[in-house]
C-alpha atoms as a PDB file:
ATOM      1  CA  MET A   1       0.000   0.000   0.000  1.00  0.00           C
ATOM      2  CA  LEU A   2       1.335   3.403  -0.985  1.00  0.00           C
ATOM      3  CA  THR A   3       1.416   6.380   1.341  1.00  0.00           C
ATOM      4  CA  ALA A   4       2.132   9.911   0.170  1.00  0.00           C
ATOM      5  CA  ARG A   5       3.304  13.135   1.763  1.00  0.00           C
ATOM      6  CA  PHE A   6       3.211  16.571   0.135  1.00  0.00           C
ATOM      7  CA  ASP A   7       5.221  19.305   1.834  1.00  0.00           C
ATOM      8  CA  ASP A   8       4.829  22.971   0.997  1.00  0.00           C
ATOM      9  CA  GLY A   9       7.698  23.898  -1.296  1.00  0.00           C
ATOM     10  CA  LYS A  10       6.730  27.481  -2.106  1.00  0.00           C
ATOM     11  CA  PRO A  11       9.656  29.852  -1.574  1.00  0.00           C
ATOM     12  CA  LYS A  12       9.385  31.855   1.609  1.00  0.00           C
ATOM     13  CA  ARG A  13       9.559  35.604   1.206  1.00  0.00           C
ATOM     14  CA  LYS A  14      12.493  37.060   3.074  1.00  0.00           C
ATOM     15  CA  GLY A  15      11.721  39.771   5.596  1.00  0.00           C
ATOM     16  CA  ARG A  16      13.004  43.254   4.888  1.00  0.00           C
ATOM     17  CA  ARG A  17      16.152  44.262   6.704  1.00  0.00           C
ATOM     18  CA  ARG A  18      15.631  47.348   8.786  1.00  0.00           C
ATOM     19  CA  ARG A  19      19.016  48.791   7.926  1.00  0.00           C
ATOM     20  CA  SER A  20      18.604  48.342   4.198  1.00  0.00           C
ATOM     21  CA  ARG A  21      17.519  51.466   2.352  1.00  0.00           C
ATOM     22  CA  ARG A  22      17.439  49.796  -1.049  1.00  0.00           C
ATOM     23  CA  LYS A  23      13.966  49.998  -2.541  1.00  0.00           C
ATOM     24  CA  GLN A  24      12.415  46.559  -2.981  1.00  0.00           C
ATOM     25  CA  PRO A  25      11.056  45.783  -6.485  1.00  0.00           C
ATOM     26  CA  ASN A  26       7.288  45.717  -6.857  1.00  0.00           C
ATOM     27  CA  PRO A  27       6.061  42.114  -6.833  1.00  0.00           C
ATOM     28  CA  VAL A  28       3.894  40.443  -9.414  1.00  0.00           C
ATOM     29  CA  ASN A  29       0.203  41.395  -9.159  1.00  0.00           C
ATOM     30  CA  GLU A  30      -1.042  37.914  -8.254  1.00  0.00           C
ATOM     31  CA  VAL A  31      -4.716  38.933  -8.061  1.00  0.00           C
ATOM     32  CA  GLU A  32      -4.590  40.276 -11.613  1.00  0.00           C
ATOM     33  CA  CYS A  33      -2.721  37.186 -12.834  1.00  0.00           C
ATOM     34  CA  ARG A  34      -5.321  34.906 -11.272  1.00  0.00           C
ATOM     35  CA  ALA A  35      -8.170  36.817 -12.935  1.00  0.00           C
ATOM     36  CA  LEU A  36      -6.422  36.549 -16.315  1.00  0.00           C
ATOM     37  CA  ALA A  37      -5.814  32.833 -15.764  1.00  0.00           C
ATOM     38  CA  ASP A  38      -9.508  32.321 -14.947  1.00  0.00           C
ATOM     39  CA  ASP A  39     -10.527  34.103 -18.163  1.00  0.00           C
ATOM     40  CA  LEU A  40      -7.995  32.066 -20.112  1.00  0.00           C
ATOM     41  CA  ILE A  41      -9.402  28.814 -18.722  1.00  0.00           C
ATOM     42  CA  GLU A  42     -12.922  29.739 -19.838  1.00  0.00           C
ATOM     43  CA  LEU A  43     -11.715  30.484 -23.365  1.00  0.00           C
ATOM     44  CA  ILE A  44      -9.683  27.270 -23.576  1.00  0.00           C
ATOM     45  CA  LEU A  45     -12.711  25.202 -22.560  1.00  0.00           C
ATOM     46  CA  LEU A  46     -14.922  27.080 -25.042  1.00  0.00           C
ATOM     47  CA  ASP A  47     -12.484  25.994 -27.774  1.00  0.00           C
ATOM     48  CA  SER A  48     -12.287  29.648 -28.795  1.00  0.00           C
ATOM     49  CA  GLY A  49      -8.855  29.348 -30.367  1.00  0.00           C
ATOM     50  CA  ILE A  50      -7.357  31.606 -27.692  1.00  0.00           C
ATOM     51  CA  LEU A  51      -4.145  29.581 -27.501  1.00  0.00           C
ATOM     52  CA  ASP A  52      -3.418  30.437 -31.144  1.00  0.00           C
ATOM     53  CA  HIS A  53      -3.150  34.025 -29.898  1.00  0.00           C
ATOM     54  CA  PHE A  54      -1.824  33.561 -26.355  1.00  0.00           C
ATOM     55  CA  GLY A  55       0.777  30.928 -27.231  1.00  0.00           C
ATOM     56  CA  PRO A  56       3.098  33.190 -29.260  1.00  0.00           C
ATOM     57  CA  ILE A  57       3.027  35.765 -26.451  1.00  0.00           C
ATOM     58  CA  ALA A  58       3.524  33.137 -23.743  1.00  0.00           C
ATOM     59  CA  LYS A  59       6.687  31.762 -25.346  1.00  0.00           C
ATOM     60  CA  HIS A  60       8.173  35.184 -26.024  1.00  0.00           C
ATOM     61  CA  ARG A  61      11.304  36.012 -24.070  1.00  0.00           C
ATOM     62  CA  ASN A  62      12.643  39.303 -25.329  1.00  0.00           C
ATOM     63  CA  ASN A  63      12.385  42.860 -24.089  1.00  0.00           C
ATOM     64  CA  TYR A  64       9.291  44.423 -22.595  1.00  0.00           C
ATOM     65  CA  SER A  65       8.385  46.550 -25.634  1.00  0.00           C
ATOM     66  CA  GLU A  66       8.308  43.515 -27.941  1.00  0.00           C
ATOM     67  CA  TYR A  67       5.638  41.921 -25.754  1.00  0.00           C
ATOM     68  CA  GLY A  68       3.598  45.090 -26.198  1.00  0.00           C
ATOM     69  CA  GLU A  69       4.034  45.021 -29.961  1.00  0.00           C
ATOM     70  CA  LEU A  70       2.864  41.396 -30.153  1.00  0.00           C
ATOM     71  CA  ILE A  71      -0.243  42.174 -28.107  1.00  0.00           C
ATOM     72  CA  GLN A  72      -1.062  45.321 -30.104  1.00  0.00           C
ATOM     73  CA  ASN A  73      -0.615  43.485 -33.412  1.00  0.00           C
ATOM     74  CA  LEU A  74      -3.160  40.902 -32.259  1.00  0.00           C
ATOM     75  CA  ILE A  75      -5.641  43.609 -31.344  1.00  0.00           C
ATOM     76  CA  ASP A  76      -5.129  45.509 -34.601  1.00  0.00           C
ATOM     77  CA  GLY A  77      -5.080  42.459 -36.830  1.00  0.00           C
ATOM     78  CA  ARG A  78      -6.386  38.957 -36.404  1.00  0.00           C
ATOM     79  CA  LEU A  79      -8.773  39.392 -33.496  1.00  0.00           C
ATOM     80  CA  TYR A  80     -10.867  42.198 -34.966  1.00  0.00           C
ATOM     81  CA  ASN A  81     -11.471  40.053 -38.027  1.00  0.00           C
ATOM     82  CA  GLU A  82     -12.872  37.113 -36.112  1.00  0.00           C
ATOM     83  CA  GLU A  83     -16.518  36.442 -35.247  1.00  0.00           C
ATOM     84  CA  ASP A  84     -18.133  35.827 -31.846  1.00  0.00           C
ATOM     85  CA  ALA A  85     -15.377  33.659 -30.337  1.00  0.00           C
ATOM     86  CA  GLY A  86     -12.806  36.137 -31.596  1.00  0.00           C
ATOM     87  CA  MET A  87     -14.540  39.018 -29.856  1.00  0.00           C
ATOM     88  CA  THR A  88     -14.319  37.051 -26.601  1.00  0.00           C
ATOM     89  CA  ASN A  89     -10.639  36.466 -27.302  1.00  0.00           C
ATOM     90  CA  LEU A  90     -10.259  40.161 -28.087  1.00  0.00           C
ATOM     91  CA  ALA A  91     -11.618  41.122 -24.668  1.00  0.00           C
ATOM     92  CA  PHE A  92      -9.072  38.828 -23.005  1.00  0.00           C
ATOM     93  CA  VAL A  93      -6.146  40.185 -25.013  1.00  0.00           C
ATOM     94  CA  LYS A  94      -7.184  43.755 -24.154  1.00  0.00           C
ATOM     95  CA  LYS A  95      -7.112  42.795 -20.451  1.00  0.00           C
ATOM     96  CA  LEU A  96      -3.662  41.305 -21.012  1.00  0.00           C
ATOM     97  CA  GLN A  97      -2.580  44.555 -22.625  1.00  0.00           C
ATOM     98  CA  LEU A  98      -3.728  46.543 -19.581  1.00  0.00           C
ATOM     99  CA  ALA A  99      -1.799  44.179 -17.329  1.00  0.00           C
ATOM    100  CA  HIS A 100       1.308  44.564 -19.499  1.00  0.00           C
ATOM    101  CA  GLN A 101       1.098  48.355 -19.258  1.00  0.00           C
ATOM    102  CA  GLY A 102       1.372  48.068 -15.479  1.00  0.00           C
ATOM    103  CA  TYR A 103       4.928  46.708 -15.700  1.00  0.00           C
ATOM    104  CA  VAL A 104       6.705  49.521 -17.545  1.00  0.00           C
ATOM    105  CA  GLY A 105      10.403  49.339 -16.714  1.00  0.00           C
ATOM    106  CA  LYS A 106       9.939  45.986 -14.947  1.00  0.00           C
ATOM    107  CA  GLN A 107      10.891  43.445 -17.620  1.00  0.00           C
ATOM    108  CA  LYS A 108      11.820  40.646 -15.227  1.00  0.00           C
ATOM    109  CA  ILE A 109       8.652  41.020 -13.158  1.00  0.00           C
ATOM    110  CA  TRP A 110       6.478  41.050 -16.301  1.00  0.00           C
ATOM    111  CA  SER A 111       8.094  37.781 -17.413  1.00  0.00           C
ATOM    112  CA  GLN A 112       7.318  36.354 -13.973  1.00  0.00           C
ATOM    113  CA  ALA A 113       3.719  37.539 -14.320  1.00  0.00           C
ATOM    114  CA  MET A 114       3.368  35.760 -17.669  1.00  0.00           C
ATOM    115  CA  GLY A 115       4.786  32.608 -16.128  1.00  0.00           C
ATOM    116  CA  LEU A 116       2.352  32.868 -13.215  1.00  0.00           C
ATOM    117  CA  ILE A 117      -0.641  33.265 -15.555  1.00  0.00           C
ATOM    118  CA  THR A 118       0.374  30.046 -17.322  1.00  0.00           C
ATOM    119  CA  GLU A 119       0.916  28.185 -14.039  1.00  0.00           C
ATOM    120  CA  LEU A 120      -2.389  29.364 -12.543  1.00  0.00           C
ATOM    121  CA  ALA A 121      -4.227  28.388 -15.725  1.00  0.00           C
ATOM    122  CA  PHE A 122      -2.997  24.793 -15.388  1.00  0.00           C
ATOM    123  CA  LEU A 123      -3.751  24.838 -11.658  1.00  0.00           C
ATOM    124  CA  GLY A 124      -7.311  26.008 -12.371  1.00  0.00           C
ATOM    125  CA  LEU A 125      -7.770  23.414 -15.104  1.00  0.00           C
ATOM    126  CA  MET A 126      -6.585  20.715 -12.705  1.00  0.00           C
ATOM    127  CA  HIS A 127      -9.162  21.804 -10.108  1.00  0.00           C
ATOM    128  CA  ARG A 128     -11.912  21.539 -12.726  1.00  0.00           C
ATOM    129  CA  LYS A 129     -10.596  18.270 -14.081  1.00  0.00           C
ATOM    130  CA  TYR A 130     -10.710  16.651 -10.635  1.00  0.00           C
ATOM    131  CA  ASP A 131     -13.641  17.973  -8.602  1.00  0.00           C
ATOM    132  CA  ILE A 132     -14.140  14.884  -6.399  1.00  0.00           C
ATOM    133  CA  HIS A 133     -13.496  15.296  -2.660  1.00  0.00           C
ATOM    134  CA  SER A 134     -11.141  12.316  -2.410  1.00  0.00           C
ATOM    135  CA  LYS A 135      -8.725  14.013  -4.776  1.00  0.00           C
ATOM    136  CA  LYS A 136      -6.475  16.782  -3.480  1.00  0.00           C
ATOM    137  CA  ILE A 137      -4.699  19.451  -5.524  1.00  0.00           C
ATOM    138  CA  TYR A 138      -1.319  20.774  -4.391  1.00  0.00           C
ATOM    139  CA  HIS A 139       0.475  23.862  -5.720  1.00  0.00           C
ATOM    140  CA  GLU A 140       4.284  23.930  -5.568  1.00  0.00           C
ATOM    141  CA  HIS A 141       4.682  21.012  -3.184  1.00  0.00           C
ATOM    142  CA  ILE A 142       7.476  18.490  -2.667  1.00  0.00           C
ATOM    143  CA  ALA A 143       6.161  14.963  -3.184  1.00  0.00           C
ATOM    144  CA  THR A 144       7.316  11.863  -1.303  1.00  0.00           C
ATOM    145  CA  VAL A 145       5.646   8.504  -1.969  1.00  0.00           C
ATOM    146  CA  SER A 146       6.393   5.348   0.062  1.00  0.00           C
ATOM    147  CA  ASN A 147       5.575   1.667   0.050  1.00  0.00           C
ATOM    148  CA  GLU A 148       6.243  -0.807   2.857  1.00  0.00           C
ATOM    149  CA  THR A 149       9.975  -1.021   2.216  1.00  0.00           C
ATOM    150  CA  SER A 150      11.126   2.074   0.315  1.00  0.00           C
ATOM    151  CA  GLU A 151      10.256   5.588  -0.728  1.00  0.00           C
ATOM    152  CA  CYS A 152      10.755   7.909  -3.667  1.00  0.00           C
ATOM    153  CA  GLY A 153      10.665  11.682  -3.553  1.00  0.00           C
ATOM    154  CA  MET A 154      11.503  14.981  -5.169  1.00  0.00           C
ATOM    155  CA  ASP A 155      14.211  15.824  -2.630  1.00  0.00           C
ATOM    156  CA  LYS A 156      13.886  19.625  -2.219  1.00  0.00           C
ATOM    157  CA  LYS A 157      12.462  20.337  -5.681  1.00  0.00           C
ATOM    158  CA  PRO A 158       8.754  21.216  -5.656  1.00  0.00           C
ATOM    159  CA  ILE A 159       6.415  20.243  -8.491  1.00  0.00           C
ATOM    160  CA  ASP A 160       4.198  23.042  -9.797  1.00  0.00           C
ATOM    161  CA  VAL A 161       0.861  21.194  -9.692  1.00  0.00           C
ATOM    162  CA  ILE A 162      -0.014  17.806  -8.188  1.00  0.00           C
ATOM    163  CA  MET A 163      -3.297  15.878  -8.044  1.00  0.00           C
ATOM    164  CA  TRP A 164      -3.341  12.980  -5.619  1.00  0.00           C
ATOM    165  CA  CYS A 165      -6.237  10.589  -4.972  1.00  0.00           C
ATOM    166  CA  ASP A 166      -6.240   9.174  -1.435  1.00  0.00           C
ATOM    167  CA  CYS A 167      -8.685   6.403  -2.378  1.00  0.00           C
ATOM    168  CA  ASN A 168      -6.827   4.941  -5.345  1.00  0.00           C
ATOM    169  CA  LYS A 169      -3.312   6.009  -4.336  1.00  0.00           C
ATOM    170  CA  ASN A 170      -2.553   7.548  -7.717  1.00  0.00           C
ATOM    171  CA  GLY A 171      -2.058  10.998  -9.115  1.00  0.00           C
ATOM    172  CA  GLU A 172      -0.911  13.443 -11.704  1.00  0.00           C
ATOM    173  CA  PHE A 173       2.156  15.657 -11.561  1.00  0.00           C
ATOM    174  CA  LEU A 174       2.820  18.713 -13.765  1.00  0.00           C
ATOM    175  CA  GLU A 175       5.983  20.751 -14.220  1.00  0.00           C
ATOM    176  CA  ILE A 176       4.903  23.951 -15.997  1.00  0.00           C
ATOM    177  CA  LYS A 177       7.038  26.266 -18.126  1.00  0.00           C
ATOM    178  CA  LYS A 178       6.145  29.497 -19.864  1.00  0.00           C
ATOM    179  CA  ASN A 179       9.057  29.396 -22.237  1.00  0.00           C
ATOM    180  CA  LEU A 180      11.081  26.517 -23.668  1.00  0.00           C
ATOM    181  CA  LYS A 181      12.881  28.332 -26.463  1.00  0.00           C
ATOM    182  CA  ASN A 182      16.620  27.632 -26.667  1.00  0.00           C
ATOM    183  CA  LYS A 183      16.472  25.378 -23.590  1.00  0.00           C
ATOM    184  CA  ILE A 184      17.794  22.334 -25.439  1.00  0.00           C
ATOM    185  CA  GLU A 185      21.171  23.897 -26.193  1.00  0.00           C
ATOM    186  CA  ILE A 186      21.311  25.397 -22.701  1.00  0.00           C
ATOM    187  CA  VAL A 187      20.757  21.947 -21.170  1.00  0.00           C
ATOM    188  CA  LYS A 188      23.381  20.410 -23.481  1.00  0.00           C
ATOM    189  CA  ASN A 189      25.856  23.052 -22.340  1.00  0.00           C
ATOM    190  CA  GLY A 190      25.286  22.101 -18.708  1.00  0.00           C
ATOM    191  CA  GLU A 191      23.716  25.448 -17.833  1.00  0.00           C
ATOM    192  CA  GLU A 192      20.387  24.113 -16.484  1.00  0.00           C
ATOM    193  CA  PRO A 193      21.371  21.587 -13.790  1.00  0.00           C
ATOM    194  CA  ASP A 194      18.248  22.264 -11.710  1.00  0.00           C
ATOM    195  CA  LEU A 195      15.912  21.490 -14.633  1.00  0.00           C
ATOM    196  CA  VAL A 196      17.866  18.327 -15.464  1.00  0.00           C
ATOM    197  CA  GLU A 197      17.769  17.167 -11.855  1.00  0.00           C
ATOM    198  CA  LYS A 198      14.044  17.894 -11.540  1.00  0.00           C
ATOM    199  CA  ILE A 199      13.148  15.947 -14.681  1.00  0.00           C
ATOM    200  CA  LYS A 200      15.355  13.076 -13.500  1.00  0.00           C
ATOM    201  CA  LEU A 201      13.572  13.028 -10.135  1.00  0.00           C
ATOM    202  CA  MET A 202      10.171  13.184 -11.839  1.00  0.00           C
ATOM    203  CA  TYR A 203      11.079  10.215 -14.010  1.00  0.00           C
ATOM    204  CA  GLY A 204      12.141   8.353 -10.882  1.00  0.00           C
ATOM    205  CA  MET A 205       8.759   9.162  -9.348  1.00  0.00           C
ATOM    206  CA  LEU A 206       6.972   7.944 -12.497  1.00  0.00           C
ATOM    207  CA  SER A 207       8.858   4.625 -12.396  1.00  0.00           C
ATOM    208  CA  PHE A 208       8.268   4.146  -8.672  1.00  0.00           C
ATOM    209  CA  LEU A 209       4.518   4.754  -8.989  1.00  0.00           C
ATOM    210  CA  HIS A 210       4.104   2.410 -11.959  1.00  0.00           C
ATOM    211  CA  GLU A 211       6.125  -0.303 -10.252  1.00  0.00           C
ATOM    212  CA  ASN A 212       3.759  -0.014  -7.291  1.00  0.00           C
ATOM    213  CA  ASP A 213       0.645  -0.400  -9.465  1.00  0.00           C
ATOM    214  CA  SER A 214      -0.267   3.277  -9.269  1.00  0.00           C
ATOM    215  CA  LYS A 215      -1.942   4.590 -12.398  1.00  0.00           C
ATOM    216  CA  SER A 216      -0.235   7.963 -12.260  1.00  0.00           C
ATOM    217  CA  SER A 217       0.797  10.511 -14.859  1.00  0.00           C
ATOM    218  CA  ILE A 218       3.998  12.501 -14.663  1.00  0.00           C
ATOM    219  CA  VAL A 219       3.863  15.460 -17.042  1.00  0.00           C
ATOM    220  CA  GLY A 220       7.481  16.296 -17.739  1.00  0.00           C
ATOM    221  CA  LEU A 221       6.703  19.709 -19.181  1.00  0.00           C
ATOM    222  CA  ALA A 222       3.433  21.583 -19.655  1.00  0.00           C
ATOM    223  CA  THR A 223       3.176  24.802 -21.634  1.00  0.00           C
ATOM    224  CA  LEU A 224       0.466  26.859 -23.332  1.00  0.00           C
ATOM    225  CA  SER A 225       2.763  27.541 -26.296  1.00  0.00           C
ATOM    226  CA  LYS A 226       3.343  25.521 -29.431  1.00  0.00           C
ATOM    227  CA  ASN A 227       6.623  23.815 -28.639  1.00  0.00           C
ATOM    228  CA  PRO A 228       7.351  20.902 -30.970  1.00  0.00           C
ATOM    229  CA  PHE A 229      10.738  20.523 -29.297  1.00  0.00           C
ATOM    230  CA  ALA A 230       9.329  20.050 -25.771  1.00  0.00           C
ATOM    231  CA  ILE A 231       9.627  16.260 -25.970  1.00  0.00           C
ATOM    232  CA  ARG A 232      13.189  16.637 -27.213  1.00  0.00           C
ATOM    233  CA  LEU A 233      13.966  18.846 -24.214  1.00  0.00           C
ATOM    234  CA  VAL A 234      12.791  16.121 -21.828  1.00  0.00           C
ATOM    235  CA  GLU A 235      14.840  13.587 -23.805  1.00  0.00           C
ATOM    236  CA  VAL A 236      18.006  15.714 -23.660  1.00  0.00           C
ATOM    237  CA  SER A 237      17.499  16.344 -19.941  1.00  0.00           C
ATOM    238  CA  LEU A 238      17.223  12.600 -19.267  1.00  0.00           C
ATOM    239  CA  GLN A 239      20.356  12.023 -21.361  1.00  0.00           C
ATOM    240  CA  GLU A 240      22.242  14.643 -19.357  1.00  0.00           C
ATOM    241  CA  ALA A 241      20.975  13.033 -16.149  1.00  0.00           C
ATOM    242  CA  GLY A 242      22.240   9.603 -17.231  1.00  0.00           C
ATOM    243  CA  VAL A 243      18.770   8.045 -17.357  1.00  0.00           C
ATOM    244  CA  LEU A 244      19.175   7.706 -21.122  1.00  0.00           C
ATOM    245  CA  GLY A 245      22.346   6.973 -23.047  1.00  0.00           C
ATOM    246  CA  SER A 246      23.658   9.755 -25.272  1.00  0.00           C
ATOM    247  CA  GLN A 247      22.346   8.015 -28.415  1.00  0.00           C
ATOM    248  CA  GLU A 248      19.144   6.625 -26.887  1.00  0.00           C
ATOM    249  CA  GLU A 249      15.730   8.118 -27.605  1.00  0.00           C
ATOM    250  CA  ILE A 250      12.971   8.746 -25.111  1.00  0.00           C
ATOM    251  CA  ASP A 251      10.752   6.090 -26.715  1.00  0.00           C
ATOM    252  CA  SER A 252      13.177   3.422 -25.475  1.00  0.00           C
ATOM    253  CA  LEU A 253      12.253   4.089 -21.842  1.00  0.00           C
ATOM    254  CA  GLU A 254       9.925   1.658 -20.102  1.00  0.00           C
ATOM    255  CA  TYR A 255       7.702   4.472 -18.842  1.00  0.00           C
ATOM    256  CA  GLN A 256       6.873   7.575 -20.855  1.00  0.00           C
ATOM    257  CA  MET A 257       6.619  11.072 -19.406  1.00  0.00           C
ATOM    258  CA  THR A 258       3.849  13.198 -20.877  1.00  0.00           C
ATOM    259  CA  VAL A 259       4.429  16.575 -22.520  1.00  0.00           C
ATOM    260  CA  ILE A 260       1.586  19.076 -22.945  1.00  0.00           C
ATOM    261  CA  THR A 261       1.650  21.907 -25.483  1.00  0.00           C
ATOM    262  CA  SER A 262      -1.115  24.217 -26.705  1.00  0.00           C
ATOM    263  CA  ASP A 263      -2.160  21.613 -29.277  1.00  0.00           C
ATOM    264  CA  ASP A 264      -3.156  19.001 -26.706  1.00  0.00           C
ATOM    265  CA  VAL A 265      -4.242  20.932 -23.588  1.00  0.00           C
ATOM    266  CA  VAL A 266      -7.903  20.037 -24.132  1.00  0.00           C
ATOM    267  CA  GLU A 267      -7.049  16.385 -24.754  1.00  0.00           C
ATOM    268  CA  TRP A 268      -5.070  16.326 -21.496  1.00  0.00           C
ATOM    269  CA  TYR A 269      -7.946  18.049 -19.659  1.00  0.00           C
ATOM    270  CA  THR A 270     -10.517  15.471 -20.749  1.00  0.00           C
ATOM    271  CA  ASN A 271      -8.287  12.462 -20.001  1.00  0.00           C
ATOM    272  CA  VAL A 272      -8.971  11.932 -16.286  1.00  0.00           C
ATOM    273  CA  ILE A 273      -6.895   9.395 -14.374  1.00  0.00           C
END
């Protein structure tokens, strides 16, 4: 029989030092991000085509003004030419534009806000996907699962979203990323050890659960962008971690990690464990 523990892994905010006179940067507006994520969820489930518009913005990773240009081009171009669903999408993108305008001169914080919108969208979708009381949803928790003789865990690396069912002793685990562009070469160059280690630990968790007859899904990477190289990124990470040989492909593994992109979010949402 499996037992599971989920410890809060959210980073603790450091208290301000009294002697420090350095002005602290304004944090991400979490209330605004949550409202945008809620709107985004509604549009995804309406099959409005919103991810065709949001995806290119979500994967963008350049300077602040270029985000603004992408959003304005959507408003001026494609969205005004669409029918009813497009007008709903237009309203969302205009809200996103207002949010963007609140981060002038705060490039890093705006990128964090975009990442939070994506993460909260998946968290909200998970809550809707599993609305039964026996299933619990955890946000940024460190998972440890045990059987009678051994245990497997994520060490000190939290997983963004976890569903765990106490009745059936199974679950679903998502690691969410806003942007995957250029990550493959970065991983190959040894510059993303934390990502490599996390994916290795998640694969270990996937193997442990399957070997203990737990019908559980480990989503190696989840994004709202179109990222055809997301599976390759998981593969390269597992090669760097030594789980796969340098010439081995991910298909050769006994257990397969899932990857979600904008093309299969709805399919993932409807496939309940």
